[in-house]
Amino acid sequence: MTRRRLKLLLLPALAASLLAGCGKESIELDANESQRVRDGALIFNDKCSGCHTLESAGTQGSAVNVRDRERTDGPNFNTRPESVDAILYAIRNGGFSGAIMPENIVVGDDARKVAEYLSKYAGKVAEKPVSPQSGGATP
């Protein structure tokens, strides 16, 4: 086999091995986290990572730039805090618009675990809102 043919055969394998390591992150939670929240993080990573970004879950599914946004990009939960009730509503109803997210993507206790996890870790890098009374960031 000629060197040129060998290079052409090996090039796709090399490219695939380099790309396989790009962007792979792991779940990172507080050391003393409960098993329910850990389970919620695993389920979120498995079921929600394609459309939602959340650093602690190692997911990058949202658009960072509005111009790069795709129809299936969900909220970036690094900057968007959520309550357990709002998360359960979104899971049951396919998000808040009902346009993209599948309804009941997780159900029962798994849905509650995701909601508990997400409510605890979402919004950790959200900007603090400015209080009109103080003229500065709220504590």
N, C-alpha and C. Protein backbone atom coordinates (compact mmCIF):
# COMPACT_ATOMS: atom_id res chain seq x y z
N MET A 1 0.85 -1.17 0.00
CA MET A 1 0.00 0.00 0.00
C MET A 1 0.90 1.23 0.00
N THR A 2 0.54 2.20 -0.80
CA THR A 2 1.35 3.41 -0.88
C THR A 2 1.13 4.29 0.35
N ARG A 3 2.10 5.14 0.58
CA ARG A 3 2.00 6.04 1.73
C ARG A 3 0.79 6.96 1.62
N ARG A 4 0.50 7.42 0.42
CA ARG A 4 -0.63 8.33 0.21
C ARG A 4 -1.94 7.64 0.59
N ARG A 5 -2.13 6.40 0.15
CA ARG A 5 -3.35 5.66 0.48
C ARG A 5 -3.44 5.40 1.98
N LEU A 6 -2.34 5.07 2.59
CA LEU A 6 -2.32 4.83 4.03
C LEU A 6 -2.72 6.09 4.80
N LYS A 7 -2.19 7.24 4.38
CA LYS A 7 -2.55 8.51 5.02
C LYS A 7 -4.04 8.79 4.85
N LEU A 8 -4.58 8.53 3.69
CA LEU A 8 -5.99 8.78 3.43
C LEU A 8 -6.88 7.86 4.27
N LEU A 9 -6.42 6.65 4.52
CA LEU A 9 -7.18 5.73 5.35
C LEU A 9 -7.11 6.09 6.84
N LEU A 10 -5.97 6.57 7.28
CA LEU A 10 -5.78 6.89 8.69
C LEU A 10 -6.32 8.27 9.09
N LEU A 11 -6.45 9.18 8.14
CA LEU A 11 -6.90 10.53 8.44
C LEU A 11 -8.27 10.57 9.11
N PRO A 12 -9.30 9.86 8.61
CA PRO A 12 -10.60 9.90 9.29
C PRO A 12 -10.54 9.34 10.71
N ALA A 13 -9.76 8.29 10.92
CA ALA A 13 -9.65 7.71 12.26
C ALA A 13 -8.97 8.70 13.21
N LEU A 14 -7.96 9.39 12.74
CA LEU A 14 -7.27 10.38 13.57
C LEU A 14 -8.22 11.53 13.90
N ALA A 15 -8.94 12.02 12.91
CA ALA A 15 -9.88 13.12 13.15
C ALA A 15 -10.96 12.71 14.15
N ALA A 16 -11.48 11.51 14.02
CA ALA A 16 -12.52 11.03 14.93
C ALA A 16 -12.00 10.92 16.36
N SER A 17 -10.78 10.44 16.52
CA SER A 17 -10.23 10.31 17.87
C SER A 17 -9.97 11.67 18.51
N LEU A 18 -9.56 12.66 17.72
CA LEU A 18 -9.35 14.00 18.25
C LEU A 18 -10.67 14.66 18.63
N LEU A 19 -11.68 14.49 17.80
CA LEU A 19 -12.98 15.10 18.07
C LEU A 19 -13.70 14.44 19.24
N ALA A 20 -13.45 13.19 19.47
CA ALA A 20 -14.13 12.48 20.55
C ALA A 20 -13.80 13.08 21.91
N GLY A 21 -12.63 13.65 22.06
CA GLY A 21 -12.25 14.24 23.33
C GLY A 21 -12.66 15.69 23.49
N CYS A 22 -13.17 16.32 22.45
CA CYS A 22 -13.51 17.74 22.52
C CYS A 22 -14.83 17.96 23.24
N GLY A 23 -14.85 18.91 24.14
CA GLY A 23 -16.09 19.33 24.79
C GLY A 23 -16.67 18.34 25.79
N LYS A 24 -15.97 17.29 26.09
CA LYS A 24 -16.50 16.31 27.04
C LYS A 24 -16.23 16.80 28.45
N GLU A 25 -17.30 16.96 29.22
CA GLU A 25 -17.18 17.40 30.59
C GLU A 25 -17.85 16.38 31.49
N SER A 26 -17.56 16.46 32.77
CA SER A 26 -18.15 15.52 33.71
C SER A 26 -19.06 16.24 34.68
N ILE A 27 -19.86 15.47 35.38
CA ILE A 27 -20.76 16.00 36.38
C ILE A 27 -19.93 16.38 37.60
N GLU A 28 -20.11 17.61 38.09
CA GLU A 28 -19.37 18.09 39.25
C GLU A 28 -20.35 18.68 40.26
N LEU A 29 -20.51 17.99 41.38
CA LEU A 29 -21.43 18.41 42.43
C LEU A 29 -20.67 18.65 43.73
N ASP A 30 -21.33 19.31 44.67
CA ASP A 30 -20.74 19.48 45.99
C ASP A 30 -20.42 18.11 46.57
N ALA A 31 -19.34 18.01 47.33
CA ALA A 31 -18.87 16.74 47.88
C ALA A 31 -19.90 16.07 48.79
N ASN A 32 -20.69 16.85 49.50
CA ASN A 32 -21.64 16.28 50.46
C ASN A 32 -23.07 16.22 49.90
N GLU A 33 -23.19 16.15 48.58
CA GLU A 33 -24.50 16.17 47.94
C GLU A 33 -25.28 14.89 48.20
N SER A 34 -26.61 15.00 48.32
CA SER A 34 -27.46 13.83 48.57
C SER A 34 -27.51 12.93 47.34
N GLN A 35 -27.85 11.68 47.57
CA GLN A 35 -27.94 10.72 46.47
C GLN A 35 -29.06 11.11 45.50
N ARG A 36 -30.16 11.67 45.99
CA ARG A 36 -31.27 12.11 45.13
C ARG A 36 -30.81 13.17 44.14
N VAL A 37 -30.03 14.14 44.63
CA VAL A 37 -29.55 15.21 43.75
C VAL A 37 -28.52 14.64 42.77
N ARG A 38 -27.68 13.73 43.23
CA ARG A 38 -26.72 13.07 42.32
C ARG A 38 -27.46 12.31 41.22
N ASP A 39 -28.51 11.58 41.60
CA ASP A 39 -29.32 10.86 40.61
C ASP A 39 -29.95 11.84 39.63
N GLY A 40 -30.46 12.97 40.15
CA GLY A 40 -31.05 14.00 39.30
C GLY A 40 -30.06 14.54 38.29
N ALA A 41 -28.81 14.73 38.72
CA ALA A 41 -27.77 15.21 37.81
C ALA A 41 -27.49 14.20 36.70
N LEU A 42 -27.44 12.92 37.06
CA LEU A 42 -27.22 11.88 36.05
C LEU A 42 -28.36 11.82 35.05
N ILE A 43 -29.59 11.90 35.55
CA ILE A 43 -30.76 11.86 34.66
C ILE A 43 -30.76 13.09 33.76
N PHE A 44 -30.48 14.27 34.33
CA PHE A 44 -30.41 15.50 33.55
C PHE A 44 -29.36 15.36 32.46
N ASN A 45 -28.19 14.86 32.82
CA ASN A 45 -27.12 14.68 31.84
C ASN A 45 -27.55 13.75 30.72
N ASP A 46 -28.26 12.69 31.07
CA ASP A 46 -28.69 11.69 30.09
C ASP A 46 -29.84 12.18 29.20
N LYS A 47 -30.84 12.81 29.80
CA LYS A 47 -32.06 13.14 29.07
C LYS A 47 -32.12 14.57 28.54
N CYS A 48 -31.36 15.50 29.13
CA CYS A 48 -31.54 16.92 28.84
C CYS A 48 -30.32 17.59 28.21
N SER A 49 -29.19 16.89 28.16
CA SER A 49 -27.94 17.51 27.74
C SER A 49 -27.92 17.95 26.28
N GLY A 50 -28.74 17.37 25.45
CA GLY A 50 -28.75 17.75 24.04
C GLY A 50 -29.32 19.13 23.78
N CYS A 51 -30.13 19.63 24.72
CA CYS A 51 -30.80 20.92 24.51
C CYS A 51 -30.52 21.97 25.58
N HIS A 52 -29.96 21.57 26.71
CA HIS A 52 -29.75 22.50 27.81
C HIS A 52 -28.30 22.51 28.26
N THR A 53 -27.84 23.68 28.68
CA THR A 53 -26.49 23.85 29.21
C THR A 53 -26.57 23.99 30.72
N LEU A 54 -25.72 23.26 31.41
CA LEU A 54 -25.57 23.41 32.85
C LEU A 54 -24.20 22.86 33.22
N GLU A 55 -23.34 23.74 33.68
CA GLU A 55 -21.96 23.38 33.97
C GLU A 55 -21.83 22.21 34.93
N SER A 56 -22.59 22.22 36.02
CA SER A 56 -22.44 21.16 37.01
C SER A 56 -22.83 19.79 36.47
N ALA A 57 -23.63 19.75 35.42
CA ALA A 57 -24.02 18.48 34.80
C ALA A 57 -23.11 18.12 33.63
N GLY A 58 -22.20 19.02 33.28
CA GLY A 58 -21.31 18.77 32.15
C GLY A 58 -22.02 18.83 30.82
N THR A 59 -23.10 19.62 30.72
CA THR A 59 -23.88 19.68 29.48
C THR A 59 -23.68 21.02 28.78
N GLN A 60 -23.72 20.98 27.44
CA GLN A 60 -23.55 22.16 26.61
C GLN A 60 -24.52 22.11 25.44
N GLY A 61 -25.82 22.12 25.73
CA GLY A 61 -26.80 21.99 24.66
C GLY A 61 -27.44 23.28 24.19
N SER A 62 -27.23 24.38 24.91
CA SER A 62 -27.84 25.66 24.53
C SER A 62 -26.89 26.45 23.65
N ALA A 63 -27.46 27.37 22.89
CA ALA A 63 -26.65 28.28 22.10
C ALA A 63 -26.03 29.34 23.02
N VAL A 64 -24.77 29.65 22.77
CA VAL A 64 -24.10 30.69 23.53
C VAL A 64 -24.36 32.04 22.86
N ASN A 65 -24.40 32.02 21.55
CA ASN A 65 -24.61 33.22 20.75
C ASN A 65 -25.98 33.12 20.09
N VAL A 66 -26.78 34.16 20.17
CA VAL A 66 -28.13 34.13 19.59
C VAL A 66 -28.08 33.83 18.09
N ARG A 67 -27.06 34.27 17.41
CA ARG A 67 -26.94 34.04 15.96
C ARG A 67 -26.66 32.57 15.63
N ASP A 68 -26.15 31.83 16.62
CA ASP A 68 -25.87 30.41 16.42
C ASP A 68 -27.01 29.52 16.89
N ARG A 69 -28.07 30.10 17.38
CA ARG A 69 -29.18 29.38 18.00
C ARG A 69 -29.87 28.46 16.99
N GLU A 70 -30.22 27.28 17.48
CA GLU A 70 -30.99 26.32 16.69
C GLU A 70 -32.36 26.17 17.33
N ARG A 71 -33.28 25.66 16.59
CA ARG A 71 -34.66 25.52 17.06
C ARG A 71 -34.77 24.71 18.35
N THR A 72 -33.92 23.72 18.51
CA THR A 72 -34.01 22.82 19.66
C THR A 72 -33.22 23.29 20.88
N ASP A 73 -32.55 24.43 20.79
CA ASP A 73 -31.77 24.92 21.93
C ASP A 73 -32.69 25.37 23.05
N GLY A 74 -32.51 24.76 24.21
CA GLY A 74 -33.30 25.13 25.38
C GLY A 74 -32.55 26.16 26.20
N PRO A 75 -33.13 26.55 27.33
CA PRO A 75 -32.49 27.54 28.19
C PRO A 75 -31.13 27.09 28.71
N ASN A 76 -30.27 28.07 28.90
CA ASN A 76 -28.98 27.87 29.54
C ASN A 76 -29.21 27.99 31.04
N PHE A 77 -29.15 26.89 31.75
CA PHE A 77 -29.45 26.90 33.18
C PHE A 77 -28.30 27.40 34.03
N ASN A 78 -27.15 27.70 33.43
CA ASN A 78 -26.09 28.35 34.20
C ASN A 78 -26.56 29.75 34.62
N THR A 79 -27.34 30.38 33.77
CA THR A 79 -27.76 31.76 34.01
C THR A 79 -29.24 31.89 34.31
N ARG A 80 -29.94 30.80 34.43
CA ARG A 80 -31.39 30.85 34.65
C ARG A 80 -31.80 30.01 35.86
N PRO A 81 -32.04 30.64 36.98
CA PRO A 81 -32.50 29.86 38.15
C PRO A 81 -33.95 29.41 37.96
N GLU A 82 -34.30 28.28 38.56
CA GLU A 82 -35.66 27.73 38.45
C GLU A 82 -36.07 27.14 39.78
N SER A 83 -37.37 27.12 40.03
CA SER A 83 -37.92 26.47 41.23
C SER A 83 -38.34 25.05 40.90
N VAL A 84 -38.48 24.22 41.92
CA VAL A 84 -38.91 22.83 41.73
C VAL A 84 -40.24 22.78 41.00
N ASP A 85 -41.22 23.61 41.43
CA ASP A 85 -42.54 23.59 40.80
C ASP A 85 -42.49 23.99 39.33
N ALA A 86 -41.70 25.00 38.99
CA ALA A 86 -41.58 25.43 37.60
C ALA A 86 -40.94 24.33 36.74
N ILE A 87 -39.96 23.66 37.30
CA ILE A 87 -39.28 22.59 36.56
C ILE A 87 -40.24 21.43 36.33
N LEU A 88 -40.97 21.04 37.35
CA LEU A 88 -41.94 19.94 37.18
C LEU A 88 -43.01 20.31 36.16
N TYR A 89 -43.46 21.56 36.16
CA TYR A 89 -44.42 22.03 35.16
C TYR A 89 -43.84 21.87 33.76
N ALA A 90 -42.60 22.34 33.57
CA ALA A 90 -41.96 22.28 32.26
C ALA A 90 -41.76 20.83 31.81
N ILE A 91 -41.39 19.95 32.72
CA ILE A 91 -41.20 18.54 32.38
C ILE A 91 -42.54 17.92 31.93
N ARG A 92 -43.60 18.18 32.68
CA ARG A 92 -44.91 17.62 32.35
C ARG A 92 -45.48 18.16 31.05
N ASN A 93 -45.23 19.45 30.77
CA ASN A 93 -45.90 20.12 29.67
C ASN A 93 -45.02 20.40 28.46
N GLY A 94 -43.82 19.89 28.45
CA GLY A 94 -42.94 20.14 27.31
C GLY A 94 -42.40 21.55 27.30
N GLY A 95 -41.86 21.99 28.42
CA GLY A 95 -41.34 23.35 28.54
C GLY A 95 -42.45 24.31 28.86
N PHE A 96 -42.22 25.58 28.60
CA PHE A 96 -43.24 26.58 28.88
C PHE A 96 -44.01 26.95 27.63
N SER A 97 -43.41 26.74 26.46
CA SER A 97 -44.12 27.04 25.22
C SER A 97 -44.76 25.79 24.63
N GLY A 98 -44.28 24.62 25.02
CA GLY A 98 -44.82 23.37 24.49
C GLY A 98 -44.45 23.12 23.04
N ALA A 99 -43.50 23.88 22.53
CA ALA A 99 -43.17 23.78 21.11
C ALA A 99 -42.12 22.72 20.79
N ILE A 100 -41.13 22.56 21.63
CA ILE A 100 -40.00 21.69 21.28
C ILE A 100 -39.79 20.55 22.25
N MET A 101 -39.71 20.85 23.53
CA MET A 101 -39.36 19.84 24.52
C MET A 101 -40.44 18.77 24.60
N PRO A 102 -40.04 17.51 24.58
CA PRO A 102 -41.05 16.45 24.70
C PRO A 102 -41.70 16.47 26.08
N GLU A 103 -43.00 16.30 26.11
CA GLU A 103 -43.72 16.20 27.38
C GLU A 103 -43.27 14.94 28.10
N ASN A 104 -43.21 15.02 29.42
CA ASN A 104 -42.89 13.87 30.26
C ASN A 104 -41.62 13.15 29.83
N ILE A 105 -40.58 13.91 29.52
CA ILE A 105 -39.31 13.30 29.12
C ILE A 105 -38.75 12.44 30.25
N VAL A 106 -39.07 12.81 31.48
CA VAL A 106 -38.86 11.96 32.66
C VAL A 106 -40.13 12.06 33.49
N VAL A 107 -40.45 11.01 34.22
CA VAL A 107 -41.70 10.98 34.98
C VAL A 107 -41.46 10.48 36.40
N GLY A 108 -42.48 10.67 37.23
CA GLY A 108 -42.46 10.13 38.58
C GLY A 108 -41.32 10.68 39.42
N ASP A 109 -40.73 9.80 40.21
CA ASP A 109 -39.66 10.20 41.11
C ASP A 109 -38.44 10.70 40.35
N ASP A 110 -38.19 10.19 39.13
CA ASP A 110 -37.07 10.68 38.34
C ASP A 110 -37.27 12.16 37.99
N ALA A 111 -38.49 12.55 37.67
CA ALA A 111 -38.77 13.96 37.37
C ALA A 111 -38.50 14.81 38.61
N ARG A 112 -38.92 14.34 39.77
CA ARG A 112 -38.69 15.09 41.01
C ARG A 112 -37.20 15.19 41.31
N LYS A 113 -36.43 14.13 41.06
CA LYS A 113 -34.98 14.18 41.28
C LYS A 113 -34.33 15.22 40.38
N VAL A 114 -34.74 15.26 39.11
CA VAL A 114 -34.21 16.27 38.18
C VAL A 114 -34.56 17.66 38.69
N ALA A 115 -35.81 17.85 39.12
CA ALA A 115 -36.27 19.15 39.60
C ALA A 115 -35.48 19.58 40.85
N GLU A 116 -35.24 18.66 41.75
CA GLU A 116 -34.48 18.98 42.96
C GLU A 116 -33.04 19.36 42.61
N TYR A 117 -32.45 18.61 41.72
CA TYR A 117 -31.09 18.91 41.28
C TYR A 117 -31.04 20.28 40.58
N LEU A 118 -31.90 20.46 39.60
CA LEU A 118 -31.87 21.67 38.79
C LEU A 118 -32.18 22.91 39.62
N SER A 119 -33.12 22.81 40.54
CA SER A 119 -33.44 23.98 41.37
C SER A 119 -32.27 24.38 42.27
N LYS A 120 -31.44 23.42 42.62
CA LYS A 120 -30.29 23.70 43.48
C LYS A 120 -29.10 24.27 42.70
N TYR A 121 -28.89 23.80 41.47
CA TYR A 121 -27.69 24.17 40.72
C TYR A 121 -27.92 25.17 39.59
N ALA A 122 -29.15 25.36 39.15
CA ALA A 122 -29.41 26.30 38.06
C ALA A 122 -29.25 27.74 38.55
N GLY A 123 -28.76 28.59 37.69
CA GLY A 123 -28.65 30.01 37.99
C GLY A 123 -27.47 30.42 38.83
N LYS A 124 -26.50 29.54 38.99
CA LYS A 124 -25.36 29.87 39.85
C LYS A 124 -24.50 31.01 39.29
N VAL A 125 -24.53 31.23 37.99
CA VAL A 125 -23.75 32.33 37.42
C VAL A 125 -24.66 33.42 36.87
N ALA A 126 -25.91 33.42 37.31
CA ALA A 126 -26.84 34.47 36.88
C ALA A 126 -26.40 35.80 37.46
N GLU A 127 -26.58 36.86 36.68
CA GLU A 127 -26.27 38.20 37.18
C GLU A 127 -27.32 38.59 38.22
N LYS A 128 -26.87 39.24 39.26
CA LYS A 128 -27.78 39.70 40.30
C LYS A 128 -28.60 40.87 39.75
N PRO A 129 -29.90 40.88 39.97
CA PRO A 129 -30.71 41.99 39.49
C PRO A 129 -30.40 43.26 40.26
N VAL A 130 -30.57 44.38 39.59
CA VAL A 130 -30.32 45.67 40.23
C VAL A 130 -31.58 46.11 40.96
N SER A 131 -31.41 46.52 42.19
CA SER A 131 -32.52 47.00 42.99
C SER A 131 -32.75 48.48 42.71
N PRO A 132 -33.98 48.89 42.36
CA PRO A 132 -34.22 50.31 42.06
C PRO A 132 -34.01 51.20 43.29
N GLN A 133 -34.22 50.66 44.51
CA GLN A 133 -34.08 51.47 45.71
C GLN A 133 -32.61 51.77 46.02
N SER A 134 -31.75 50.77 45.86
CA SER A 134 -30.36 50.96 46.26
C SER A 134 -29.47 51.47 45.15
N GLY A 135 -29.92 51.26 43.90
CA GLY A 135 -29.09 51.67 42.77
C GLY A 135 -27.94 50.71 42.51
N GLY A 136 -27.91 49.61 43.23
CA GLY A 136 -26.86 48.62 43.05
C GLY A 136 -27.42 47.23 43.04
N ALA A 137 -26.54 46.26 43.02
CA ALA A 137 -26.95 44.85 42.99
C ALA A 137 -27.57 44.47 44.31
N THR A 138 -28.56 43.60 44.26
CA THR A 138 -29.20 43.11 45.47
C THR A 138 -28.30 42.09 46.14
N PRO A 139 -28.35 41.97 47.46
CA PRO A 139 -27.47 41.01 48.16
C PRO A 139 -27.89 39.59 47.91
